[in-house]
Amino acid sequence: MKNKIKLKKGDEVIVLAGKDKGKRGKILKVIPHTRKIIVSEINKYKKHQKPGNNEPGGIIEKDMPIHISNVAFYDSSLNKGVRLGYSFGKDGKKIRINKKSGKEI
């Protein structure tokens, strides 16, 4: 799949499916070749880690990737997830827009 990912680092998203359905968080990292993203405080797992070089051992919580089809951009004015699209401004630059209202993001 060679589709462009319209979500970017720092965007606020809402989870549409899975164990964290309905939760919101900010994107920490985008992994385009697997079409996954890492969202803060979403899809957390516990990992048992051995002590290593200057690192303590124990159980640590880690944010794991979630597929982009399971999240949507969160629009705070509508209080729900929306789809994103592209449009060209008056100066010819490409801008992201909210497909529902047509407003610039």
PDB file of N, CA and C in Angstrom:
ATOM      1  N   MET A   1       0.831  -1.183   0.000  1.00  0.00           N
ATOM      2  CA  MET A   1       0.000   0.000   0.000  1.00  0.00           C
ATOM      3  C   MET A   1       0.870   1.239   0.000  1.00  0.00           C
ATOM      4  N   LYS A   2       0.643   2.105  -0.931  1.00  0.00           N
ATOM      5  CA  LYS A   2       1.452   3.297  -1.063  1.00  0.00           C
ATOM      6  C   LYS A   2       0.641   4.552  -0.723  1.00  0.00           C
ATOM      7  N   ASN A   3      -0.411   4.396   0.091  1.00  0.00           N
ATOM      8  CA  ASN A   3      -1.228   5.538   0.472  1.00  0.00           C
ATOM      9  C   ASN A   3      -0.462   6.452   1.416  1.00  0.00           C
ATOM     10  N   LYS A   4      -0.691   7.743   1.278  1.00  0.00           N
ATOM     11  CA  LYS A   4      -0.027   8.712   2.128  1.00  0.00           C
ATOM     12  C   LYS A   4      -0.716   8.764   3.482  1.00  0.00           C
ATOM     13  N   ILE A   5       0.076   8.840   4.536  1.00  0.00           N
ATOM     14  CA  ILE A   5      -0.454   8.966   5.885  1.00  0.00           C
ATOM     15  C   ILE A   5      -0.686  10.442   6.154  1.00  0.00           C
ATOM     16  N   LYS A   6      -1.914  10.797   6.473  1.00  0.00           N
ATOM     17  CA  LYS A   6      -2.266  12.197   6.658  1.00  0.00           C
ATOM     18  C   LYS A   6      -2.077  12.660   8.095  1.00  0.00           C
ATOM     19  N   LEU A   7      -1.890  11.728   9.025  1.00  0.00           N
ATOM     20  CA  LEU A   7      -1.634  12.084  10.412  1.00  0.00           C
ATOM     21  C   LEU A   7      -0.160  12.391  10.602  1.00  0.00           C
ATOM     22  N   LYS A   8       0.132  13.341  11.492  1.00  0.00           N
ATOM     23  CA  LYS A   8       1.519  13.749  11.725  1.00  0.00           C
ATOM     24  C   LYS A   8       1.831  13.719  13.212  1.00  0.00           C
ATOM     25  N   LYS A   9       3.121  13.751  13.521  1.00  0.00           N
ATOM     26  CA  LYS A   9       3.580  13.778  14.897  1.00  0.00           C
ATOM     27  C   LYS A   9       3.028  15.030  15.585  1.00  0.00           C
ATOM     28  N   GLY A  10       2.469  14.848  16.785  1.00  0.00           N
ATOM     29  CA  GLY A  10       1.915  15.971  17.534  1.00  0.00           C
ATOM     30  C   GLY A  10       0.413  16.138  17.384  1.00  0.00           C
ATOM     31  N   ASP A  11      -0.207  15.460  16.405  1.00  0.00           N
ATOM     32  CA  ASP A  11      -1.667  15.530  16.228  1.00  0.00           C
ATOM     33  C   ASP A  11      -2.362  14.808  17.375  1.00  0.00           C
ATOM     34  N   GLU A  12      -3.527  15.319  17.760  1.00  0.00           N
ATOM     35  CA  GLU A  12      -4.335  14.622  18.764  1.00  0.00           C
ATOM     36  C   GLU A  12      -5.297  13.702  18.034  1.00  0.00           C
ATOM     37  N   VAL A  13      -5.331  12.433  18.463  1.00  0.00           N
ATOM     38  CA  VAL A  13      -6.171  11.437  17.815  1.00  0.00           C
ATOM     39  C   VAL A  13      -7.069  10.770  18.849  1.00  0.00           C
ATOM     40  N   ILE A  14      -8.149  10.151  18.360  1.00  0.00           N
ATOM     41  CA  ILE A  14      -9.057   9.376  19.193  1.00  0.00           C
ATOM     42  C   ILE A  14      -9.058   7.947  18.664  1.00  0.00           C
ATOM     43  N   VAL A  15      -9.068   6.972  19.568  1.00  0.00           N
ATOM     44  CA  VAL A  15      -9.013   5.559  19.186  1.00  0.00           C
ATOM     45  C   VAL A  15     -10.423   5.094  18.834  1.00  0.00           C
ATOM     46  N   LEU A  16     -10.568   4.448  17.663  1.00  0.00           N
ATOM     47  CA  LEU A  16     -11.858   3.993  17.168  1.00  0.00           C
ATOM     48  C   LEU A  16     -12.138   2.527  17.485  1.00  0.00           C
ATOM     49  N   ALA A  17     -11.094   1.719  17.659  1.00  0.00           N
ATOM     50  CA  ALA A  17     -11.283   0.285  17.878  1.00  0.00           C
ATOM     51  C   ALA A  17     -10.187  -0.247  18.790  1.00  0.00           C
ATOM     52  N   GLY A  18     -10.505  -1.326  19.501  1.00  0.00           N
ATOM     53  CA  GLY A  18      -9.526  -1.977  20.358  1.00  0.00           C
ATOM     54  C   GLY A  18      -9.823  -1.766  21.824  1.00  0.00           C
ATOM     55  N   LYS A  19      -8.881  -2.167  22.671  1.00  0.00           N
ATOM     56  CA  LYS A  19      -9.100  -2.114  24.114  1.00  0.00           C
ATOM     57  C   LYS A  19      -9.131  -0.689  24.658  1.00  0.00           C
ATOM     58  N   ASP A  20      -8.556   0.267  23.936  1.00  0.00           N
ATOM     59  CA  ASP A  20      -8.521   1.663  24.373  1.00  0.00           C
ATOM     60  C   ASP A  20      -9.522   2.527  23.615  1.00  0.00           C
ATOM     61  N   LYS A  21     -10.592   1.934  23.114  1.00  0.00           N
ATOM     62  CA  LYS A  21     -11.581   2.657  22.309  1.00  0.00           C
ATOM     63  C   LYS A  21     -12.143   3.855  23.076  1.00  0.00           C
ATOM     64  N   GLY A  22     -12.162   5.022  22.410  1.00  0.00           N
ATOM     65  CA  GLY A  22     -12.690   6.240  23.008  1.00  0.00           C
ATOM     66  C   GLY A  22     -11.645   7.105  23.683  1.00  0.00           C
ATOM     67  N   LYS A  23     -10.443   6.586  23.908  1.00  0.00           N
ATOM     68  CA  LYS A  23      -9.391   7.371  24.555  1.00  0.00           C
ATOM     69  C   LYS A  23      -8.716   8.287  23.541  1.00  0.00           C
ATOM     70  N   ARG A  24      -8.152   9.390  24.058  1.00  0.00           N
ATOM     71  CA  ARG A  24      -7.459  10.350  23.201  1.00  0.00           C
ATOM     72  C   ARG A  24      -6.002  10.458  23.620  1.00  0.00           C
ATOM     73  N   GLY A  25      -5.150  10.820  22.664  1.00  0.00           N
ATOM     74  CA  GLY A  25      -3.740  11.013  22.959  1.00  0.00           C
ATOM     75  C   GLY A  25      -3.037  11.688  21.797  1.00  0.00           C
ATOM     76  N   LYS A  26      -1.798  12.104  22.035  1.00  0.00           N
ATOM     77  CA  LYS A  26      -0.995  12.761  21.005  1.00  0.00           C
ATOM     78  C   LYS A  26      -0.064  11.738  20.360  1.00  0.00           C
ATOM     79  N   ILE A  27       0.170  11.923  19.066  1.00  0.00           N
ATOM     80  CA  ILE A  27       1.052  11.028  18.324  1.00  0.00           C
ATOM     81  C   ILE A  27       2.499  11.340  18.690  1.00  0.00           C
ATOM     82  N   LEU A  28       3.234  10.309  19.115  1.00  0.00           N
ATOM     83  CA  LEU A  28       4.647  10.455  19.451  1.00  0.00           C
ATOM     84  C   LEU A  28       5.541  10.118  18.262  1.00  0.00           C
ATOM     85  N   LYS A  29       5.121   9.128  17.462  1.00  0.00           N
ATOM     86  CA  LYS A  29       5.955   8.666  16.354  1.00  0.00           C
ATOM     87  C   LYS A  29       5.077   8.061  15.277  1.00  0.00           C
ATOM     88  N   VAL A  30       5.438   8.286  14.005  1.00  0.00           N
ATOM     89  CA  VAL A  30       4.742   7.704  12.866  1.00  0.00           C
ATOM     90  C   VAL A  30       5.694   6.724  12.199  1.00  0.00           C
ATOM     91  N   ILE A  31       5.208   5.495  11.936  1.00  0.00           N
ATOM     92  CA  ILE A  31       6.013   4.468  11.267  1.00  0.00           C
ATOM     93  C   ILE A  31       5.352   4.200   9.921  1.00  0.00           C
ATOM     94  N   PRO A  32       5.754   4.908   8.845  1.00  0.00           N
ATOM     95  CA  PRO A  32       5.012   4.841   7.579  1.00  0.00           C
ATOM     96  C   PRO A  32       5.074   3.505   6.849  1.00  0.00           C
ATOM     97  N   HIS A  33       6.188   2.781   6.909  1.00  0.00           N
ATOM     98  CA  HIS A  33       6.280   1.550   6.121  1.00  0.00           C
ATOM     99  C   HIS A  33       5.408   0.436   6.681  1.00  0.00           C
ATOM    100  N   THR A  34       5.049   0.495   7.977  1.00  0.00           N
ATOM    101  CA  THR A  34       4.119  -0.484   8.541  1.00  0.00           C
ATOM    102  C   THR A  34       2.734   0.108   8.754  1.00  0.00           C
ATOM    103  N   ARG A  35       2.560   1.400   8.442  1.00  0.00           N
ATOM    104  CA  ARG A  35       1.294   2.130   8.587  1.00  0.00           C
ATOM    105  C   ARG A  35       0.791   2.095  10.026  1.00  0.00           C
ATOM    106  N   LYS A  36       1.716   2.299  10.971  1.00  0.00           N
ATOM    107  CA  LYS A  36       1.380   2.310  12.391  1.00  0.00           C
ATOM    108  C   LYS A  36       1.868   3.602  13.022  1.00  0.00           C
ATOM    109  N   ILE A  37       1.276   3.923  14.179  1.00  0.00           N
ATOM    110  CA  ILE A  37       1.692   5.090  14.943  1.00  0.00           C
ATOM    111  C   ILE A  37       1.810   4.705  16.410  1.00  0.00           C
ATOM    112  N   ILE A  38       2.600   5.476  17.152  1.00  0.00           N
ATOM    113  CA  ILE A  38       2.703   5.312  18.592  1.00  0.00           C
ATOM    114  C   ILE A  38       2.050   6.537  19.218  1.00  0.00           C
ATOM    115  N   VAL A  39       1.037   6.288  20.069  1.00  0.00           N
ATOM    116  CA  VAL A  39       0.271   7.354  20.702  1.00  0.00           C
ATOM    117  C   VAL A  39       0.545   7.319  22.204  1.00  0.00           C
ATOM    118  N   SER A  40       0.716   8.497  22.808  1.00  0.00           N
ATOM    119  CA  SER A  40       1.011   8.559  24.240  1.00  0.00           C
ATOM    120  C   SER A  40      -0.161   8.035  25.060  1.00  0.00           C
ATOM    121  N   GLU A  41       0.157   7.201  26.041  1.00  0.00           N
ATOM    122  CA  GLU A  41      -0.801   6.630  26.989  1.00  0.00           C
ATOM    123  C   GLU A  41      -1.854   5.718  26.343  1.00  0.00           C
ATOM    124  N   ILE A  42      -1.616   5.245  25.113  1.00  0.00           N
ATOM    125  CA  ILE A  42      -2.537   4.341  24.420  1.00  0.00           C
ATOM    126  C   ILE A  42      -1.771   3.066  24.087  1.00  0.00           C
ATOM    127  N   ASN A  43      -2.442   1.914  24.208  1.00  0.00           N
ATOM    128  CA  ASN A  43      -1.869   0.612  23.871  1.00  0.00           C
ATOM    129  C   ASN A  43      -0.596   0.339  24.678  1.00  0.00           C
ATOM    130  N   LYS A  44      -0.688   0.510  26.005  1.00  0.00           N
ATOM    131  CA  LYS A  44       0.455   0.281  26.883  1.00  0.00           C
ATOM    132  C   LYS A  44       0.579  -1.206  27.231  1.00  0.00           C
ATOM    133  N   TYR A  45       1.804  -1.683  27.245  1.00  0.00           N
ATOM    134  CA  TYR A  45       2.105  -3.057  27.638  1.00  0.00           C
ATOM    135  C   TYR A  45       3.190  -3.048  28.692  1.00  0.00           C
ATOM    136  N   LYS A  46       3.185  -4.092  29.535  1.00  0.00           N
ATOM    137  CA  LYS A  46       4.221  -4.230  30.551  1.00  0.00           C
ATOM    138  C   LYS A  46       5.302  -5.155  30.024  1.00  0.00           C
ATOM    139  N   LYS A  47       6.544  -4.722  30.192  1.00  0.00           N
ATOM    140  CA  LYS A  47       7.682  -5.503  29.713  1.00  0.00           C
ATOM    141  C   LYS A  47       8.582  -5.805  30.901  1.00  0.00           C
ATOM    142  N   HIS A  48       8.969  -7.079  31.034  1.00  0.00           N
ATOM    143  CA  HIS A  48       9.891  -7.487  32.084  1.00  0.00           C
ATOM    144  C   HIS A  48      11.302  -7.309  31.543  1.00  0.00           C
ATOM    145  N   GLN A  49      12.058  -6.386  32.139  1.00  0.00           N
ATOM    146  CA  GLN A  49      13.369  -6.031  31.610  1.00  0.00           C
ATOM    147  C   GLN A  49      14.466  -6.412  32.589  1.00  0.00           C
ATOM    148  N   LYS A  50      15.518  -7.022  32.035  1.00  0.00           N
ATOM    149  CA  LYS A  50      16.677  -7.377  32.843  1.00  0.00           C
ATOM    150  C   LYS A  50      17.528  -6.129  33.060  1.00  0.00           C
ATOM    151  N   PRO A  51      18.243  -6.078  34.195  1.00  0.00           N
ATOM    152  CA  PRO A  51      19.152  -4.948  34.384  1.00  0.00           C
ATOM    153  C   PRO A  51      20.314  -5.023  33.403  1.00  0.00           C
ATOM    154  N   GLY A  52      20.708  -3.877  32.887  1.00  0.00           N
ATOM    155  CA  GLY A  52      21.792  -3.841  31.908  1.00  0.00           C
ATOM    156  C   GLY A  52      22.765  -2.731  32.248  1.00  0.00           C
ATOM    157  N   ASN A  53      23.394  -2.183  31.243  1.00  0.00           N
ATOM    158  CA  ASN A  53      24.375  -1.117  31.442  1.00  0.00           C
ATOM    159  C   ASN A  53      23.684   0.151  31.948  1.00  0.00           C
ATOM    160  N   ASN A  54      23.870   0.448  33.211  1.00  0.00           N
ATOM    161  CA  ASN A  54      23.311   1.639  33.856  1.00  0.00           C
ATOM    162  C   ASN A  54      21.791   1.722  33.745  1.00  0.00           C
ATOM    163  N   GLU A  55      21.115   0.601  33.586  1.00  0.00           N
ATOM    164  CA  GLU A  55      19.652   0.577  33.527  1.00  0.00           C
ATOM    165  C   GLU A  55      19.143  -0.407  34.574  1.00  0.00           C
ATOM    166  N   PRO A  56      18.170   0.016  35.372  1.00  0.00           N
ATOM    167  CA  PRO A  56      17.635  -0.915  36.374  1.00  0.00           C
ATOM    168  C   PRO A  56      16.716  -1.944  35.728  1.00  0.00           C
ATOM    169  N   GLY A  57      16.601  -3.060  36.370  1.00  0.00           N
ATOM    170  CA  GLY A  57      15.684  -4.084  35.895  1.00  0.00           C
ATOM    171  C   GLY A  57      14.314  -3.894  36.513  1.00  0.00           C
ATOM    172  N   GLY A  58      13.352  -4.680  36.067  1.00  0.00           N
ATOM    173  CA  GLY A  58      12.009  -4.601  36.630  1.00  0.00           C
ATOM    174  C   GLY A  58      10.960  -4.602  35.543  1.00  0.00           C
ATOM    175  N   ILE A  59       9.745  -4.259  35.947  1.00  0.00           N
ATOM    176  CA  ILE A  59       8.631  -4.223  35.008  1.00  0.00           C
ATOM    177  C   ILE A  59       8.427  -2.781  34.579  1.00  0.00           C
ATOM    178  N   ILE A  60       8.551  -2.533  33.277  1.00  0.00           N
ATOM    179  CA  ILE A  60       8.359  -1.185  32.750  1.00  0.00           C
ATOM    180  C   ILE A  60       7.147  -1.179  31.824  1.00  0.00           C
ATOM    181  N   GLU A  61       6.479  -0.037  31.753  1.00  0.00           N
ATOM    182  CA  GLU A  61       5.356   0.109  30.829  1.00  0.00           C
ATOM    183  C   GLU A  61       5.857   0.764  29.556  1.00  0.00           C
ATOM    184  N   LYS A  62       5.386   0.247  28.428  1.00  0.00           N
ATOM    185  CA  LYS A  62       5.881   0.692  27.131  1.00  0.00           C
ATOM    186  C   LYS A  62       4.691   0.954  26.215  1.00  0.00           C
ATOM    187  N   ASP A  63       4.744   2.068  25.456  1.00  0.00           N
ATOM    188  CA  ASP A  63       3.720   2.358  24.455  1.00  0.00           C
ATOM    189  C   ASP A  63       4.024   1.548  23.207  1.00  0.00           C
ATOM    190  N   MET A  64       3.046   0.774  22.743  1.00  0.00           N
ATOM    191  CA  MET A  64       3.230  -0.051  21.556  1.00  0.00           C
ATOM    192  C   MET A  64       2.500   0.573  20.373  1.00  0.00           C
ATOM    193  N   PRO A  65       2.902   0.242  19.134  1.00  0.00           N
ATOM    194  CA  PRO A  65       2.261   0.824  17.948  1.00  0.00           C
ATOM    195  C   PRO A  65       0.819   0.363  17.775  1.00  0.00           C
ATOM    196  N   ILE A  66       0.024   1.215  17.153  1.00  0.00           N
ATOM    197  CA  ILE A  66      -1.363   0.915  16.820  1.00  0.00           C
ATOM    198  C   ILE A  66      -1.556   1.271  15.352  1.00  0.00           C
ATOM    199  N   HIS A  67      -2.350   0.492  14.639  1.00  0.00           N
ATOM    200  CA  HIS A  67      -2.544   0.714  13.206  1.00  0.00           C
ATOM    201  C   HIS A  67      -3.340   1.997  12.980  1.00  0.00           C
ATOM    202  N   ILE A  68      -3.015   2.719  11.892  1.00  0.00           N
ATOM    203  CA  ILE A  68      -3.655   4.018  11.657  1.00  0.00           C
ATOM    204  C   ILE A  68      -5.131   3.895  11.317  1.00  0.00           C
ATOM    205  N   SER A  69      -5.575   2.710  10.903  1.00  0.00           N
ATOM    206  CA  SER A  69      -6.997   2.541  10.601  1.00  0.00           C
ATOM    207  C   SER A  69      -7.838   2.520  11.874  1.00  0.00           C
ATOM    208  N   ASN A  70      -7.203   2.340  13.027  1.00  0.00           N
ATOM    209  CA  ASN A  70      -7.918   2.276  14.295  1.00  0.00           C
ATOM    210  C   ASN A  70      -7.966   3.604  15.031  1.00  0.00           C
ATOM    211  N   VAL A  71      -7.457   4.682  14.407  1.00  0.00           N
ATOM    212  CA  VAL A  71      -7.498   6.005  15.022  1.00  0.00           C
ATOM    213  C   VAL A  71      -8.032   7.022  14.023  1.00  0.00           C
ATOM    214  N   ALA A  72      -8.521   8.151  14.547  1.00  0.00           N
ATOM    215  CA  ALA A  72      -8.983   9.248  13.707  1.00  0.00           C
ATOM    216  C   ALA A  72      -8.511  10.552  14.323  1.00  0.00           C
ATOM    217  N   PHE A  73      -8.293  11.554  13.493  1.00  0.00           N
ATOM    218  CA  PHE A  73      -7.905  12.881  13.961  1.00  0.00           C
ATOM    219  C   PHE A  73      -9.023  13.427  14.843  1.00  0.00           C
ATOM    220  N   TYR A  74      -8.678  13.968  16.017  1.00  0.00           N
ATOM    221  CA  TYR A  74      -9.687  14.473  16.949  1.00  0.00           C
ATOM    222  C   TYR A  74      -9.881  15.972  16.732  1.00  0.00           C
ATOM    223  N   ASP A  75     -11.125  16.362  16.439  1.00  0.00           N
ATOM    224  CA  ASP A  75     -11.476  17.770  16.268  1.00  0.00           C
ATOM    225  C   ASP A  75     -12.115  18.249  17.567  1.00  0.00           C
ATOM    226  N   SER A  76     -11.452  19.176  18.264  1.00  0.00           N
ATOM    227  CA  SER A  76     -11.932  19.627  19.568  1.00  0.00           C
ATOM    228  C   SER A  76     -13.213  20.452  19.460  1.00  0.00           C
ATOM    229  N   SER A  77     -13.449  21.110  18.323  1.00  0.00           N
ATOM    230  CA  SER A  77     -14.671  21.901  18.183  1.00  0.00           C
ATOM    231  C   SER A  77     -15.899  21.003  18.006  1.00  0.00           C
ATOM    232  N   LEU A  78     -15.733  19.846  17.342  1.00  0.00           N
ATOM    233  CA  LEU A  78     -16.841  18.905  17.150  1.00  0.00           C
ATOM    234  C   LEU A  78     -16.891  17.828  18.227  1.00  0.00           C
ATOM    235  N   ASN A  79     -15.815  17.699  19.004  1.00  0.00           N
ATOM    236  CA  ASN A  79     -15.681  16.668  20.045  1.00  0.00           C
ATOM    237  C   ASN A  79     -15.823  15.257  19.497  1.00  0.00           C
ATOM    238  N   LYS A  80     -15.275  15.000  18.310  1.00  0.00           N
ATOM    239  CA  LYS A  80     -15.267  13.645  17.763  1.00  0.00           C
ATOM    240  C   LYS A  80     -14.173  13.523  16.703  1.00  0.00           C
ATOM    241  N   GLY A  81     -13.967  12.297  16.253  1.00  0.00           N
ATOM    242  CA  GLY A  81     -12.956  12.036  15.247  1.00  0.00           C
ATOM    243  C   GLY A  81     -13.452  12.402  13.859  1.00  0.00           C
ATOM    244  N   VAL A  82     -12.558  12.948  13.036  1.00  0.00           N
ATOM    245  CA  VAL A  82     -12.910  13.349  11.670  1.00  0.00           C
ATOM    246  C   VAL A  82     -11.858  12.841  10.701  1.00  0.00           C
ATOM    247  N   ARG A  83     -12.233  12.789   9.425  1.00  0.00           N
ATOM    248  CA  ARG A  83     -11.285  12.417   8.384  1.00  0.00           C
ATOM    249  C   ARG A  83     -10.573  13.668   7.877  1.00  0.00           C
ATOM    250  N   LEU A  84      -9.356  13.472   7.399  1.00  0.00           N
ATOM    251  CA  LEU A  84      -8.570  14.577   6.888  1.00  0.00           C
ATOM    252  C   LEU A  84      -8.457  14.486   5.376  1.00  0.00           C
ATOM    253  N   GLY A  85      -8.276  15.632   4.750  1.00  0.00           N
ATOM    254  CA  GLY A  85      -8.062  15.694   3.320  1.00  0.00           C
ATOM    255  C   GLY A  85      -7.065  16.789   3.020  1.00  0.00           C
ATOM    256  N   TYR A  86      -6.756  16.959   1.751  1.00  0.00           N
ATOM    257  CA  TYR A  86      -5.828  17.997   1.319  1.00  0.00           C
ATOM    258  C   TYR A  86      -6.530  18.961   0.396  1.00  0.00           C
ATOM    259  N   SER A  87      -6.074  20.199   0.430  1.00  0.00           N
ATOM    260  CA  SER A  87      -6.579  21.227  -0.466  1.00  0.00           C
ATOM    261  C   SER A  87      -5.416  22.166  -0.760  1.00  0.00           C
ATOM    262  N   PHE A  88      -5.559  22.974  -1.767  1.00  0.00           N
ATOM    263  CA  PHE A  88      -4.523  23.939  -2.113  1.00  0.00           C
ATOM    264  C   PHE A  88      -5.006  25.335  -1.762  1.00  0.00           C
ATOM    265  N   GLY A  89      -4.170  26.083  -1.051  1.00  0.00           N
ATOM    266  CA  GLY A  89      -4.510  27.443  -0.644  1.00  0.00           C
ATOM    267  C   GLY A  89      -4.382  28.412  -1.807  1.00  0.00           C
ATOM    268  N   LYS A  90      -4.624  29.685  -1.508  1.00  0.00           N
ATOM    269  CA  LYS A  90      -4.557  30.729  -2.539  1.00  0.00           C
ATOM    270  C   LYS A  90      -3.146  30.904  -3.091  1.00  0.00           C
ATOM    271  N   ASP A  91      -2.159  30.660  -2.242  1.00  0.00           N
ATOM    272  CA  ASP A  91      -0.767  30.779  -2.682  1.00  0.00           C
ATOM    273  C   ASP A  91      -0.248  29.504  -3.335  1.00  0.00           C
ATOM    274  N   GLY A  92      -1.087  28.489  -3.462  1.00  0.00           N
ATOM    275  CA  GLY A  92      -0.700  27.246  -4.125  1.00  0.00           C
ATOM    276  C   GLY A  92      -0.091  26.216  -3.202  1.00  0.00           C
ATOM    277  N   LYS A  93      -0.019  26.505  -1.891  1.00  0.00           N
ATOM    278  CA  LYS A  93       0.535  25.547  -0.942  1.00  0.00           C
ATOM    279  C   LYS A  93      -0.511  24.515  -0.562  1.00  0.00           C
ATOM    280  N   LYS A  94      -0.067  23.311  -0.291  1.00  0.00           N
ATOM    281  CA  LYS A  94      -0.935  22.210   0.098  1.00  0.00           C
ATOM    282  C   LYS A  94      -1.225  22.323   1.590  1.00  0.00           C
ATOM    283  N   ILE A  95      -2.507  22.278   1.967  1.00  0.00           N
ATOM    284  CA  ILE A  95      -2.894  22.374   3.365  1.00  0.00           C
ATOM    285  C   ILE A  95      -3.814  21.218   3.731  1.00  0.00           C
ATOM    286  N   ARG A  96      -3.791  20.835   5.017  1.00  0.00           N
ATOM    287  CA  ARG A  96      -4.685  19.783   5.496  1.00  0.00           C
ATOM    288  C   ARG A  96      -6.009  20.420   5.906  1.00  0.00           C
ATOM    289  N   ILE A  97      -7.117  19.741   5.558  1.00  0.00           N
ATOM    290  CA  ILE A  97      -8.434  20.260   5.905  1.00  0.00           C
ATOM    291  C   ILE A  97      -9.263  19.169   6.579  1.00  0.00           C
ATOM    292  N   ASN A  98     -10.257  19.614   7.335  1.00  0.00           N
ATOM    293  CA  ASN A  98     -11.240  18.735   7.932  1.00  0.00           C
ATOM    294  C   ASN A  98     -12.278  18.455   6.855  1.00  0.00           C
ATOM    295  N   LYS A  99     -12.495  17.194   6.504  1.00  0.00           N
ATOM    296  CA  LYS A  99     -13.412  16.850   5.406  1.00  0.00           C
ATOM    297  C   LYS A  99     -14.870  17.148   5.752  1.00  0.00           C
ATOM    298  N   LYS A 100     -15.208  17.141   7.042  1.00  0.00           N
ATOM    299  CA  LYS A 100     -16.593  17.381   7.446  1.00  0.00           C
ATOM    300  C   LYS A 100     -16.973  18.856   7.316  1.00  0.00           C
ATOM    301  N   SER A 101     -16.101  19.744   7.839  1.00  0.00           N
ATOM    302  CA  SER A 101     -16.433  21.164   7.835  1.00  0.00           C
ATOM    303  C   SER A 101     -15.684  21.955   6.772  1.00  0.00           C
ATOM    304  N   GLY A 102     -14.599  21.407   6.247  1.00  0.00           N
ATOM    305  CA  GLY A 102     -13.801  22.107   5.239  1.00  0.00           C
ATOM    306  C   GLY A 102     -12.834  23.115   5.824  1.00  0.00           C
ATOM    307  N   LYS A 103     -12.718  23.157   7.161  1.00  0.00           N
ATOM    308  CA  LYS A 103     -11.817  24.111   7.810  1.00  0.00           C
ATOM    309  C   LYS A 103     -10.386  23.623   7.744  1.00  0.00           C
ATOM    310  N   GLU A 104      -9.469  24.599   7.734  1.00  0.00           N
ATOM    311  CA  GLU A 104      -8.038  24.297   7.705  1.00  0.00           C
ATOM    312  C   GLU A 104      -7.569  23.845   9.085  1.00  0.00           C
ATOM    313  N   ILE A 105      -6.620  22.904   9.097  1.00  0.00           N
ATOM    314  CA  ILE A 105      -6.072  22.397  10.363  1.00  0.00           C
ATOM    315  C   ILE A 105      -4.702  23.007  10.582  1.00  0.00           C
TER     316      ILE A 105
END
